[in-house]
Amino acid sequence: MARYRGSVCRLCRREGEKLFLKGDRCYTDKCAFERRNYAPGQQGQKRRRKQSDYGEQLREKQKVKRMYGLLERQFKNYYHRASRMKGVTGENLLGLLERRLDNVVFRLGFACNRAEARQFVLHRHFTVNGVRVNIPSYQVREGDAIEVREKSRSVAKIEQALSAVERRGLPAWLELDKEGFKGKITTLPSRQDITMPIREQLIVELYSK
């Protein structure tokens, strides 16, 4: 499957805010967004005209899509699924994205960023309720237990990520047993649990046209 292979720091600069795509580096003064807080390219430092309503909607969609590391078709499928669910479409969309296994692995602190979490899941480092799962888009449910496999607990990158979990913080809907290399979904994520600056209504307006 196609994946973006360029500099992820350019994505943060293009969206005008930190997307925390490089893990711990984003928390240091080495972060490219901190050093060059303007859009990439030759015209990046020039003042840009005010965006249209469509432009704002498109940028918000691109930001969230890049934040979770999804392709356009994947993201659109999540939207259509969210629109068929009961409740508010935008909140349903964010809930589905948060419940992806690769995102949960990242949120629990087993990986420094979502790209690394996706790779760990693909390499079968994790089990869900005792069963090995290698599908990053797997949707976790309330009560599910995510655990690092016994043979994978000595992986240096997992140990490094866990050592920095306090700095990133743990969402209220997750429970972590750091010493036991396992976590649990205590409840499904609500809109209040998602603290990232996301205006999901703009995405709904974009796809509703």
N, C-alpha and C. Protein backbone atom coordinates (compact mmCIF):
# COMPACT_ATOMS: atom_id res chain seq x y z
N MET A 1 0.85 -1.19 0.00
CA MET A 1 0.00 0.00 0.00
C MET A 1 0.88 1.24 0.00
N ALA A 2 0.45 2.29 -0.74
CA ALA A 2 1.21 3.52 -0.84
C ALA A 2 1.29 4.21 0.52
N ARG A 3 2.44 4.78 0.79
CA ARG A 3 2.64 5.52 2.04
C ARG A 3 3.47 6.76 1.75
N TYR A 4 3.25 7.81 2.52
CA TYR A 4 4.06 9.02 2.40
C TYR A 4 5.46 8.72 2.92
N ARG A 5 6.47 8.97 2.08
CA ARG A 5 7.85 8.65 2.45
C ARG A 5 8.71 9.90 2.63
N GLY A 6 8.13 11.05 2.49
CA GLY A 6 8.90 12.29 2.62
C GLY A 6 9.10 12.70 4.06
N SER A 7 9.57 13.92 4.25
CA SER A 7 9.81 14.46 5.59
C SER A 7 8.47 14.75 6.27
N VAL A 8 8.26 14.12 7.43
CA VAL A 8 7.00 14.35 8.14
C VAL A 8 6.96 15.74 8.78
N CYS A 9 8.14 16.33 9.00
CA CYS A 9 8.17 17.68 9.57
C CYS A 9 7.56 18.70 8.59
N ARG A 10 7.67 18.43 7.31
CA ARG A 10 7.05 19.30 6.32
C ARG A 10 5.53 19.30 6.46
N LEU A 11 4.98 18.16 6.88
CA LEU A 11 3.53 18.07 7.04
C LEU A 11 3.06 18.97 8.18
N CYS A 12 3.82 18.97 9.28
CA CYS A 12 3.47 19.85 10.40
C CYS A 12 3.55 21.31 9.98
N ARG A 13 4.60 21.66 9.26
CA ARG A 13 4.78 23.04 8.82
C ARG A 13 3.69 23.45 7.84
N ARG A 14 3.27 22.52 7.01
CA ARG A 14 2.19 22.82 6.04
C ARG A 14 0.87 23.07 6.74
N GLU A 15 0.60 22.31 7.81
CA GLU A 15 -0.67 22.48 8.52
C GLU A 15 -0.62 23.59 9.55
N GLY A 16 0.57 24.11 9.82
CA GLY A 16 0.69 25.24 10.73
C GLY A 16 0.60 24.90 12.20
N GLU A 17 0.78 23.63 12.55
CA GLU A 17 0.78 23.22 13.96
C GLU A 17 1.44 21.86 14.10
N LYS A 18 1.86 21.57 15.32
CA LYS A 18 2.52 20.29 15.58
C LYS A 18 1.53 19.13 15.48
N LEU A 19 1.91 18.11 14.71
CA LEU A 19 1.10 16.90 14.63
C LEU A 19 1.75 15.76 15.41
N PHE A 20 2.92 16.01 15.97
CA PHE A 20 3.67 15.04 16.78
C PHE A 20 3.88 13.73 16.02
N LEU A 21 4.43 13.88 14.81
CA LEU A 21 4.66 12.72 13.93
C LEU A 21 6.03 12.09 14.14
N LYS A 22 6.92 12.74 14.90
CA LYS A 22 8.27 12.22 15.11
C LYS A 22 8.54 11.83 16.55
N GLY A 23 7.47 11.68 17.32
CA GLY A 23 7.65 11.20 18.69
C GLY A 23 8.37 12.18 19.59
N ASP A 24 9.37 11.69 20.31
CA ASP A 24 10.07 12.47 21.33
C ASP A 24 10.75 13.71 20.75
N ARG A 25 11.18 13.67 19.51
CA ARG A 25 11.85 14.82 18.91
C ARG A 25 10.95 16.06 18.89
N CYS A 26 9.64 15.82 18.79
CA CYS A 26 8.68 16.93 18.74
C CYS A 26 8.63 17.70 20.05
N TYR A 27 9.15 17.10 21.13
CA TYR A 27 9.11 17.75 22.44
C TYR A 27 10.41 18.49 22.75
N THR A 28 11.35 18.50 21.80
CA THR A 28 12.64 19.14 22.02
C THR A 28 12.80 20.37 21.12
N ASP A 29 13.88 21.12 21.35
CA ASP A 29 14.13 22.30 20.53
C ASP A 29 14.68 21.93 19.15
N LYS A 30 14.85 20.63 18.89
CA LYS A 30 15.27 20.17 17.57
C LYS A 30 14.10 20.05 16.61
N CYS A 31 12.90 20.20 17.12
CA CYS A 31 11.70 20.08 16.29
C CYS A 31 11.76 21.10 15.15
N ALA A 32 11.57 20.64 13.92
CA ALA A 32 11.64 21.52 12.75
C ALA A 32 10.55 22.58 12.77
N PHE A 33 9.40 22.26 13.34
CA PHE A 33 8.32 23.23 13.40
C PHE A 33 8.68 24.40 14.31
N GLU A 34 9.43 24.13 15.37
CA GLU A 34 9.86 25.19 16.27
C GLU A 34 10.91 26.08 15.60
N ARG A 35 11.77 25.48 14.78
CA ARG A 35 12.85 26.23 14.15
C ARG A 35 12.39 26.99 12.90
N ARG A 36 11.41 26.41 12.19
CA ARG A 36 10.91 27.04 10.95
C ARG A 36 9.39 27.00 10.97
N ASN A 37 8.83 27.92 11.70
CA ASN A 37 7.38 27.95 11.89
C ASN A 37 6.68 28.66 10.74
N TYR A 38 6.86 28.11 9.54
CA TYR A 38 6.19 28.62 8.34
C TYR A 38 6.06 27.48 7.34
N ALA A 39 5.21 27.66 6.36
CA ALA A 39 4.95 26.59 5.38
C ALA A 39 6.20 26.27 4.59
N PRO A 40 6.37 25.01 4.15
CA PRO A 40 7.55 24.63 3.37
C PRO A 40 7.49 25.20 1.95
N GLY A 41 8.62 25.19 1.28
CA GLY A 41 8.67 25.67 -0.11
C GLY A 41 9.18 27.10 -0.21
N GLN A 42 9.43 27.55 -1.44
CA GLN A 42 10.01 28.87 -1.68
C GLN A 42 9.07 30.00 -1.27
N GLN A 43 7.77 29.76 -1.35
CA GLN A 43 6.79 30.79 -1.01
C GLN A 43 6.31 30.68 0.44
N GLY A 44 6.92 29.79 1.22
CA GLY A 44 6.42 29.49 2.55
C GLY A 44 6.40 30.68 3.50
N GLN A 45 7.37 31.60 3.38
CA GLN A 45 7.46 32.71 4.33
C GLN A 45 6.63 33.92 3.91
N LYS A 46 6.05 33.87 2.72
CA LYS A 46 5.24 34.98 2.27
C LYS A 46 3.85 34.94 2.91
N ARG A 47 3.29 36.10 3.13
CA ARG A 47 1.94 36.18 3.70
C ARG A 47 0.94 35.63 2.68
N ARG A 48 0.09 34.74 3.13
CA ARG A 48 -0.88 34.13 2.23
C ARG A 48 -2.25 34.79 2.39
N ARG A 49 -3.01 34.73 1.31
CA ARG A 49 -4.35 35.30 1.37
C ARG A 49 -5.24 34.48 2.30
N LYS A 50 -6.27 35.13 2.80
CA LYS A 50 -7.20 34.44 3.69
C LYS A 50 -7.84 33.26 2.98
N GLN A 51 -7.92 32.12 3.67
CA GLN A 51 -8.47 30.91 3.07
C GLN A 51 -9.98 31.02 2.91
N SER A 52 -10.48 30.38 1.87
CA SER A 52 -11.92 30.28 1.67
C SER A 52 -12.48 29.24 2.64
N ASP A 53 -13.80 29.15 2.72
CA ASP A 53 -14.42 28.13 3.57
C ASP A 53 -13.99 26.74 3.14
N TYR A 54 -13.95 26.52 1.82
CA TYR A 54 -13.51 25.22 1.31
C TYR A 54 -12.06 24.95 1.69
N GLY A 55 -11.23 25.98 1.61
CA GLY A 55 -9.82 25.82 1.95
C GLY A 55 -9.63 25.41 3.41
N GLU A 56 -10.40 26.02 4.31
CA GLU A 56 -10.32 25.66 5.73
C GLU A 56 -10.78 24.22 5.96
N GLN A 57 -11.85 23.83 5.29
CA GLN A 57 -12.37 22.47 5.42
C GLN A 57 -11.35 21.45 4.90
N LEU A 58 -10.75 21.76 3.76
CA LEU A 58 -9.77 20.85 3.18
C LEU A 58 -8.54 20.71 4.08
N ARG A 59 -8.05 21.81 4.61
CA ARG A 59 -6.87 21.77 5.48
C ARG A 59 -7.15 20.97 6.75
N GLU A 60 -8.36 21.11 7.30
CA GLU A 60 -8.69 20.35 8.51
C GLU A 60 -8.73 18.86 8.23
N LYS A 61 -9.29 18.51 7.09
CA LYS A 61 -9.34 17.09 6.71
C LYS A 61 -7.94 16.54 6.49
N GLN A 62 -7.10 17.30 5.80
CA GLN A 62 -5.73 16.87 5.55
C GLN A 62 -4.96 16.73 6.86
N LYS A 63 -5.18 17.65 7.79
CA LYS A 63 -4.48 17.61 9.07
C LYS A 63 -4.81 16.33 9.84
N VAL A 64 -6.10 16.01 9.95
CA VAL A 64 -6.51 14.82 10.71
C VAL A 64 -6.06 13.55 9.99
N LYS A 65 -6.17 13.55 8.68
CA LYS A 65 -5.74 12.38 7.90
C LYS A 65 -4.24 12.11 8.09
N ARG A 66 -3.45 13.16 8.10
CA ARG A 66 -2.01 13.01 8.29
C ARG A 66 -1.68 12.67 9.74
N MET A 67 -2.45 13.20 10.66
CA MET A 67 -2.22 12.93 12.07
C MET A 67 -2.34 11.44 12.37
N TYR A 68 -3.34 10.80 11.77
CA TYR A 68 -3.56 9.37 12.01
C TYR A 68 -2.86 8.48 10.96
N GLY A 69 -2.20 9.09 9.98
CA GLY A 69 -1.43 8.33 9.00
C GLY A 69 -2.27 7.53 8.04
N LEU A 70 -3.36 8.12 7.54
CA LEU A 70 -4.28 7.40 6.65
C LEU A 70 -4.20 7.93 5.23
N LEU A 71 -4.58 7.08 4.29
CA LEU A 71 -4.72 7.50 2.90
C LEU A 71 -6.13 8.06 2.69
N GLU A 72 -6.33 8.73 1.57
CA GLU A 72 -7.61 9.39 1.32
C GLU A 72 -8.78 8.41 1.31
N ARG A 73 -8.63 7.28 0.64
CA ARG A 73 -9.74 6.32 0.57
C ARG A 73 -10.06 5.76 1.95
N GLN A 74 -9.04 5.46 2.73
CA GLN A 74 -9.26 4.96 4.08
C GLN A 74 -10.04 5.98 4.92
N PHE A 75 -9.60 7.22 4.85
CA PHE A 75 -10.23 8.26 5.65
C PHE A 75 -11.69 8.47 5.23
N LYS A 76 -11.92 8.44 3.93
CA LYS A 76 -13.29 8.63 3.43
C LYS A 76 -14.19 7.49 3.87
N ASN A 77 -13.65 6.27 3.87
CA ASN A 77 -14.43 5.12 4.33
C ASN A 77 -14.82 5.27 5.81
N TYR A 78 -13.90 5.80 6.61
CA TYR A 78 -14.22 6.04 8.02
C TYR A 78 -15.35 7.06 8.14
N TYR A 79 -15.30 8.09 7.30
CA TYR A 79 -16.37 9.10 7.35
C TYR A 79 -17.73 8.49 7.01
N HIS A 80 -17.78 7.70 5.93
CA HIS A 80 -19.05 7.09 5.53
C HIS A 80 -19.56 6.15 6.62
N ARG A 81 -18.66 5.45 7.24
CA ARG A 81 -19.07 4.56 8.34
C ARG A 81 -19.61 5.37 9.51
N ALA A 82 -18.95 6.48 9.83
CA ALA A 82 -19.38 7.33 10.93
C ALA A 82 -20.74 7.96 10.65
N SER A 83 -20.99 8.30 9.38
CA SER A 83 -22.26 8.94 9.02
C SER A 83 -23.44 7.99 9.14
N ARG A 84 -23.18 6.68 9.11
CA ARG A 84 -24.26 5.69 9.23
C ARG A 84 -24.52 5.29 10.68
N MET A 85 -23.66 5.74 11.58
CA MET A 85 -23.82 5.41 12.99
C MET A 85 -24.76 6.40 13.68
N LYS A 86 -25.34 5.99 14.79
CA LYS A 86 -26.17 6.90 15.57
C LYS A 86 -25.27 7.93 16.25
N GLY A 87 -25.81 9.14 16.44
CA GLY A 87 -25.04 10.17 17.11
C GLY A 87 -24.51 11.21 16.15
N VAL A 88 -23.56 12.01 16.64
CA VAL A 88 -22.98 13.10 15.86
C VAL A 88 -21.88 12.53 14.95
N THR A 89 -21.98 12.79 13.66
CA THR A 89 -21.05 12.20 12.69
C THR A 89 -19.59 12.53 12.99
N GLY A 90 -19.30 13.79 13.29
CA GLY A 90 -17.92 14.19 13.55
C GLY A 90 -17.33 13.48 14.76
N GLU A 91 -18.12 13.36 15.81
CA GLU A 91 -17.64 12.67 17.01
C GLU A 91 -17.49 11.18 16.75
N ASN A 92 -18.40 10.62 15.97
CA ASN A 92 -18.28 9.20 15.59
C ASN A 92 -17.00 8.95 14.81
N LEU A 93 -16.67 9.88 13.91
CA LEU A 93 -15.45 9.75 13.09
C LEU A 93 -14.21 9.72 13.97
N LEU A 94 -14.12 10.67 14.90
CA LEU A 94 -12.95 10.70 15.79
C LEU A 94 -12.89 9.46 16.68
N GLY A 95 -14.05 8.98 17.10
CA GLY A 95 -14.08 7.77 17.92
C GLY A 95 -13.54 6.57 17.17
N LEU A 96 -13.91 6.44 15.90
CA LEU A 96 -13.42 5.32 15.08
C LEU A 96 -11.91 5.41 14.88
N LEU A 97 -11.42 6.62 14.66
CA LEU A 97 -9.98 6.80 14.46
C LEU A 97 -9.20 6.49 15.74
N GLU A 98 -9.74 6.91 16.87
CA GLU A 98 -9.07 6.66 18.14
C GLU A 98 -9.04 5.18 18.49
N ARG A 99 -10.02 4.43 18.03
CA ARG A 99 -10.12 3.01 18.38
C ARG A 99 -9.30 2.11 17.46
N ARG A 100 -8.58 2.68 16.51
CA ARG A 100 -7.66 1.87 15.71
C ARG A 100 -6.58 1.28 16.62
N LEU A 101 -6.19 0.05 16.35
CA LEU A 101 -5.21 -0.61 17.21
C LEU A 101 -3.88 0.13 17.22
N ASP A 102 -3.43 0.62 16.05
CA ASP A 102 -2.14 1.32 16.03
C ASP A 102 -2.20 2.60 16.86
N ASN A 103 -3.35 3.27 16.85
CA ASN A 103 -3.48 4.47 17.67
C ASN A 103 -3.50 4.13 19.16
N VAL A 104 -4.17 3.04 19.52
CA VAL A 104 -4.23 2.62 20.92
C VAL A 104 -2.84 2.24 21.43
N VAL A 105 -2.07 1.54 20.59
CA VAL A 105 -0.70 1.17 20.96
C VAL A 105 0.12 2.44 21.23
N PHE A 106 -0.06 3.45 20.38
CA PHE A 106 0.63 4.73 20.58
C PHE A 106 0.15 5.43 21.83
N ARG A 107 -1.16 5.47 22.04
CA ARG A 107 -1.73 6.16 23.21
C ARG A 107 -1.30 5.50 24.52
N LEU A 108 -1.14 4.18 24.50
CA LEU A 108 -0.73 3.47 25.71
C LEU A 108 0.75 3.69 26.02
N GLY A 109 1.50 4.20 25.03
CA GLY A 109 2.91 4.49 25.27
C GLY A 109 3.86 3.39 24.82
N PHE A 110 3.36 2.43 24.03
CA PHE A 110 4.22 1.35 23.55
C PHE A 110 5.01 1.76 22.31
N ALA A 111 4.71 2.93 21.75
CA ALA A 111 5.42 3.44 20.58
C ALA A 111 5.50 4.95 20.69
N CYS A 112 6.52 5.54 20.06
CA CYS A 112 6.74 6.98 20.15
C CYS A 112 5.82 7.78 19.23
N ASN A 113 5.33 7.15 18.17
CA ASN A 113 4.41 7.82 17.26
C ASN A 113 3.55 6.76 16.57
N ARG A 114 2.57 7.19 15.81
CA ARG A 114 1.63 6.24 15.19
C ARG A 114 2.28 5.42 14.09
N ALA A 115 3.22 6.00 13.37
CA ALA A 115 3.91 5.25 12.32
C ALA A 115 4.68 4.08 12.92
N GLU A 116 5.36 4.33 14.03
CA GLU A 116 6.10 3.27 14.72
C GLU A 116 5.12 2.23 15.28
N ALA A 117 4.00 2.69 15.81
CA ALA A 117 2.99 1.77 16.34
C ALA A 117 2.45 0.87 15.24
N ARG A 118 2.22 1.45 14.06
CA ARG A 118 1.72 0.65 12.94
C ARG A 118 2.72 -0.45 12.58
N GLN A 119 3.99 -0.10 12.58
CA GLN A 119 5.02 -1.08 12.25
C GLN A 119 5.08 -2.19 13.30
N PHE A 120 4.96 -1.83 14.57
CA PHE A 120 4.97 -2.84 15.63
C PHE A 120 3.80 -3.80 15.49
N VAL A 121 2.63 -3.26 15.17
CA VAL A 121 1.44 -4.12 15.01
C VAL A 121 1.62 -5.05 13.82
N LEU A 122 2.13 -4.53 12.71
CA LEU A 122 2.35 -5.36 11.52
C LEU A 122 3.35 -6.48 11.79
N HIS A 123 4.29 -6.23 12.69
CA HIS A 123 5.31 -7.24 13.02
C HIS A 123 4.88 -8.17 14.15
N ARG A 124 3.60 -8.12 14.51
CA ARG A 124 3.00 -9.05 15.46
C ARG A 124 3.59 -8.97 16.86
N HIS A 125 3.86 -7.76 17.30
CA HIS A 125 4.41 -7.59 18.65
C HIS A 125 3.32 -7.55 19.72
N PHE A 126 2.04 -7.47 19.31
CA PHE A 126 0.97 -7.28 20.28
C PHE A 126 -0.13 -8.33 20.16
N THR A 127 -0.80 -8.54 21.28
CA THR A 127 -1.97 -9.41 21.31
C THR A 127 -3.16 -8.60 21.82
N VAL A 128 -4.34 -8.98 21.36
CA VAL A 128 -5.58 -8.40 21.86
C VAL A 128 -6.40 -9.53 22.46
N ASN A 129 -6.61 -9.45 23.75
CA ASN A 129 -7.30 -10.52 24.49
C ASN A 129 -6.61 -11.88 24.29
N GLY A 130 -5.27 -11.85 24.26
CA GLY A 130 -4.49 -13.08 24.14
C GLY A 130 -4.28 -13.60 22.73
N VAL A 131 -4.84 -12.91 21.74
CA VAL A 131 -4.73 -13.35 20.34
C VAL A 131 -3.86 -12.37 19.57
N ARG A 132 -2.88 -12.87 18.83
CA ARG A 132 -2.01 -11.99 18.05
C ARG A 132 -2.81 -11.29 16.94
N VAL A 133 -2.62 -9.98 16.83
CA VAL A 133 -3.32 -9.20 15.81
C VAL A 133 -2.28 -8.37 15.07
N ASN A 134 -2.28 -8.47 13.75
CA ASN A 134 -1.32 -7.69 12.95
C ASN A 134 -2.02 -6.76 11.96
N ILE A 135 -3.20 -6.28 12.34
CA ILE A 135 -3.98 -5.38 11.49
C ILE A 135 -4.05 -4.01 12.20
N PRO A 136 -3.33 -3.01 11.71
CA PRO A 136 -3.31 -1.70 12.38
C PRO A 136 -4.69 -1.06 12.51
N SER A 137 -5.59 -1.33 11.56
CA SER A 137 -6.92 -0.72 11.58
C SER A 137 -7.92 -1.48 12.45
N TYR A 138 -7.48 -2.54 13.11
CA TYR A 138 -8.37 -3.33 13.97
C TYR A 138 -9.04 -2.41 14.99
N GLN A 139 -10.35 -2.53 15.11
CA GLN A 139 -11.11 -1.67 16.03
C GLN A 139 -11.23 -2.34 17.40
N VAL A 140 -10.63 -1.72 18.39
CA VAL A 140 -10.71 -2.25 19.75
C VAL A 140 -12.08 -1.94 20.33
N ARG A 141 -12.47 -2.72 21.33
CA ARG A 141 -13.76 -2.53 21.99
C ARG A 141 -13.55 -2.36 23.49
N GLU A 142 -14.57 -1.89 24.15
CA GLU A 142 -14.49 -1.70 25.60
C GLU A 142 -14.20 -3.03 26.29
N GLY A 143 -13.23 -3.02 27.18
CA GLY A 143 -12.85 -4.22 27.90
C GLY A 143 -11.70 -4.99 27.28
N ASP A 144 -11.32 -4.64 26.05
CA ASP A 144 -10.21 -5.34 25.39
C ASP A 144 -8.89 -5.11 26.14
N ALA A 145 -8.06 -6.15 26.17
CA ALA A 145 -6.74 -6.06 26.80
C ALA A 145 -5.67 -6.15 25.72
N ILE A 146 -4.81 -5.15 25.65
CA ILE A 146 -3.71 -5.12 24.68
C ILE A 146 -2.42 -5.38 25.44
N GLU A 147 -1.65 -6.33 24.94
CA GLU A 147 -0.43 -6.73 25.67
C GLU A 147 0.72 -6.94 24.70
N VAL A 148 1.92 -6.57 25.15
CA VAL A 148 3.13 -6.84 24.37
C VAL A 148 3.48 -8.31 24.53
N ARG A 149 3.75 -8.99 23.42
CA ARG A 149 4.10 -10.40 23.50
C ARG A 149 5.36 -10.60 24.35
N GLU A 150 5.45 -11.73 24.99
CA GLU A 150 6.58 -12.03 25.88
C GLU A 150 7.92 -11.86 25.17
N LYS A 151 8.00 -12.35 23.92
CA LYS A 151 9.26 -12.28 23.18
C LYS A 151 9.60 -10.87 22.72
N SER A 152 8.61 -9.97 22.74
CA SER A 152 8.82 -8.62 22.22
C SER A 152 9.11 -7.60 23.32
N ARG A 153 9.07 -8.01 24.57
CA ARG A 153 9.24 -7.06 25.67
C ARG A 153 10.66 -6.53 25.80
N SER A 154 11.59 -7.18 25.12
CA SER A 154 12.98 -6.71 25.17
C SER A 154 13.32 -5.81 23.98
N VAL A 155 12.34 -5.52 23.13
CA VAL A 155 12.58 -4.63 21.99
C VAL A 155 12.92 -3.23 22.53
N ALA A 156 14.07 -2.70 22.12
CA ALA A 156 14.58 -1.45 22.69
C ALA A 156 13.62 -0.28 22.47
N LYS A 157 13.01 -0.19 21.30
CA LYS A 157 12.15 0.95 20.99
C LYS A 157 10.88 0.94 21.84
N ILE A 158 10.38 -0.24 22.16
CA ILE A 158 9.20 -0.33 23.03
C ILE A 158 9.56 0.11 24.44
N GLU A 159 10.73 -0.33 24.92
CA GLU A 159 11.18 0.07 26.26
C GLU A 159 11.41 1.58 26.33
N GLN A 160 12.00 2.16 25.28
CA GLN A 160 12.25 3.60 25.25
C GLN A 160 10.94 4.38 25.25
N ALA A 161 9.97 3.90 24.48
CA ALA A 161 8.69 4.58 24.41
C ALA A 161 7.98 4.56 25.76
N LEU A 162 8.02 3.42 26.42
CA LEU A 162 7.36 3.30 27.72
C LEU A 162 7.99 4.21 28.77
N SER A 163 9.29 4.42 28.65
CA SER A 163 9.98 5.26 29.64
C SER A 163 9.56 6.72 29.53
N ALA A 164 8.97 7.10 28.38
CA ALA A 164 8.57 8.50 28.19
C ALA A 164 7.06 8.68 28.19
N VAL A 165 6.33 7.67 28.63
CA VAL A 165 4.87 7.73 28.56
C VAL A 165 4.29 8.82 29.46
N GLU A 166 4.92 9.11 30.58
CA GLU A 166 4.41 10.14 31.49
C GLU A 166 4.42 11.52 30.84
N ARG A 167 5.40 11.78 29.98
CA ARG A 167 5.49 13.09 29.35
C ARG A 167 4.33 13.29 28.36
N ARG A 168 3.96 12.24 27.66
CA ARG A 168 2.86 12.36 26.69
C ARG A 168 1.51 12.31 27.35
N GLY A 169 1.42 11.64 28.49
CA GLY A 169 0.14 11.54 29.19
C GLY A 169 -0.69 10.37 28.69
N LEU A 170 -1.56 9.85 29.54
CA LEU A 170 -2.40 8.70 29.21
C LEU A 170 -3.86 9.13 29.18
N PRO A 171 -4.57 8.86 28.09
CA PRO A 171 -6.00 9.23 28.02
C PRO A 171 -6.81 8.55 29.11
N ALA A 172 -7.91 9.19 29.49
CA ALA A 172 -8.74 8.69 30.60
C ALA A 172 -9.43 7.37 30.25
N TRP A 173 -9.58 7.07 28.96
CA TRP A 173 -10.30 5.85 28.57
C TRP A 173 -9.39 4.63 28.49
N LEU A 174 -8.12 4.82 28.82
CA LEU A 174 -7.15 3.72 28.78
C LEU A 174 -6.55 3.51 30.17
N GLU A 175 -6.13 2.27 30.40
CA GLU A 175 -5.47 1.90 31.65
C GLU A 175 -4.19 1.16 31.30
N LEU A 176 -3.08 1.56 31.91
CA LEU A 176 -1.77 0.99 31.58
C LEU A 176 -1.13 0.31 32.78
N ASP A 177 -0.67 -0.91 32.56
CA ASP A 177 0.16 -1.62 33.53
C ASP A 177 1.57 -1.62 32.94
N LYS A 178 2.34 -0.61 33.31
CA LYS A 178 3.66 -0.41 32.71
C LYS A 178 4.58 -1.58 32.97
N GLU A 179 4.58 -2.10 34.18
CA GLU A 179 5.46 -3.21 34.53
C GLU A 179 5.05 -4.50 33.83
N GLY A 180 3.77 -4.65 33.59
CA GLY A 180 3.27 -5.87 32.95
C GLY A 180 3.19 -5.79 31.44
N PHE A 181 3.59 -4.63 30.87
CA PHE A 181 3.56 -4.43 29.42
C PHE A 181 2.16 -4.69 28.84
N LYS A 182 1.15 -4.19 29.50
CA LYS A 182 -0.21 -4.39 28.99
C LYS A 182 -1.10 -3.20 29.35
N GLY A 183 -2.16 -3.06 28.57
CA GLY A 183 -3.11 -2.00 28.79
C GLY A 183 -4.52 -2.50 28.58
N LYS A 184 -5.49 -1.68 28.96
CA LYS A 184 -6.88 -2.10 28.86
C LYS A 184 -7.75 -0.92 28.41
N ILE A 185 -8.78 -1.23 27.61
CA ILE A 185 -9.75 -0.24 27.18
C ILE A 185 -10.84 -0.20 28.25
N THR A 186 -10.79 0.78 29.12
CA THR A 186 -11.75 0.83 30.22
C THR A 186 -13.11 1.33 29.75
N THR A 187 -13.12 2.19 28.75
CA THR A 187 -14.37 2.69 28.17
C THR A 187 -14.06 3.22 26.78
N LEU A 188 -15.08 3.40 25.97
CA LEU A 188 -14.85 3.93 24.63
C LEU A 188 -14.54 5.42 24.71
N PRO A 189 -13.68 5.92 23.82
CA PRO A 189 -13.29 7.34 23.89
C PRO A 189 -14.46 8.26 23.56
N SER A 190 -14.59 9.32 24.32
CA SER A 190 -15.61 10.34 24.06
C SER A 190 -14.93 11.57 23.47
N ARG A 191 -15.72 12.53 23.03
CA ARG A 191 -15.15 13.74 22.43
C ARG A 191 -14.29 14.49 23.45
N GLN A 192 -14.67 14.47 24.70
CA GLN A 192 -13.91 15.18 25.73
C GLN A 192 -12.53 14.57 25.97
N ASP A 193 -12.37 13.29 25.60
CA ASP A 193 -11.09 12.60 25.80
C ASP A 193 -10.07 12.96 24.72
N ILE A 194 -10.54 13.53 23.62
CA ILE A 194 -9.66 13.86 22.50
C ILE A 194 -9.28 15.32 22.61
N THR A 195 -8.08 15.58 23.11
CA THR A 195 -7.66 16.94 23.42
C THR A 195 -6.93 17.63 22.26
N MET A 196 -6.70 16.93 21.18
CA MET A 196 -6.01 17.54 20.05
C MET A 196 -6.90 18.61 19.42
N PRO A 197 -6.29 19.68 18.87
CA PRO A 197 -7.07 20.77 18.27
C PRO A 197 -7.68 20.36 16.93
N ILE A 198 -8.80 19.68 16.98
CA ILE A 198 -9.47 19.19 15.78
C ILE A 198 -10.86 19.81 15.69
N ARG A 199 -11.18 20.37 14.52
CA ARG A 199 -12.52 20.91 14.27
C ARG A 199 -13.23 19.95 13.31
N GLU A 200 -13.77 18.90 13.87
CA GLU A 200 -14.35 17.83 13.05
C GLU A 200 -15.55 18.27 12.24
N GLN A 201 -16.24 19.35 12.67
CA GLN A 201 -17.41 19.82 11.92
C GLN A 201 -17.01 20.29 10.52
N LEU A 202 -15.80 20.82 10.38
CA LEU A 202 -15.33 21.25 9.06
C LEU A 202 -15.17 20.06 8.12
N ILE A 203 -14.75 18.93 8.66
CA ILE A 203 -14.61 17.72 7.85
C ILE A 203 -15.98 17.23 7.40
N VAL A 204 -16.95 17.27 8.31
CA VAL A 204 -18.31 16.85 7.97
C VAL A 204 -18.88 17.75 6.88
N GLU A 205 -18.64 19.06 6.99
CA GLU A 205 -19.12 19.99 5.98
C GLU A 205 -18.48 19.72 4.62
N LEU A 206 -17.19 19.37 4.63
CA LEU A 206 -16.48 19.09 3.38
C LEU A 206 -17.07 17.88 2.67
N TYR A 207 -17.27 16.79 3.39
CA TYR A 207 -17.78 15.57 2.77
C TYR A 207 -19.29 15.61 2.52
N SER A 208 -19.98 16.56 3.10
CA SER A 208 -21.44 16.65 2.93
C SER A 208 -21.82 17.38 1.64
N LYS A 209 -20.84 17.98 0.99
CA LYS A 209 -21.14 18.75 -0.24
C LYS A 209 -21.53 17.84 -1.40
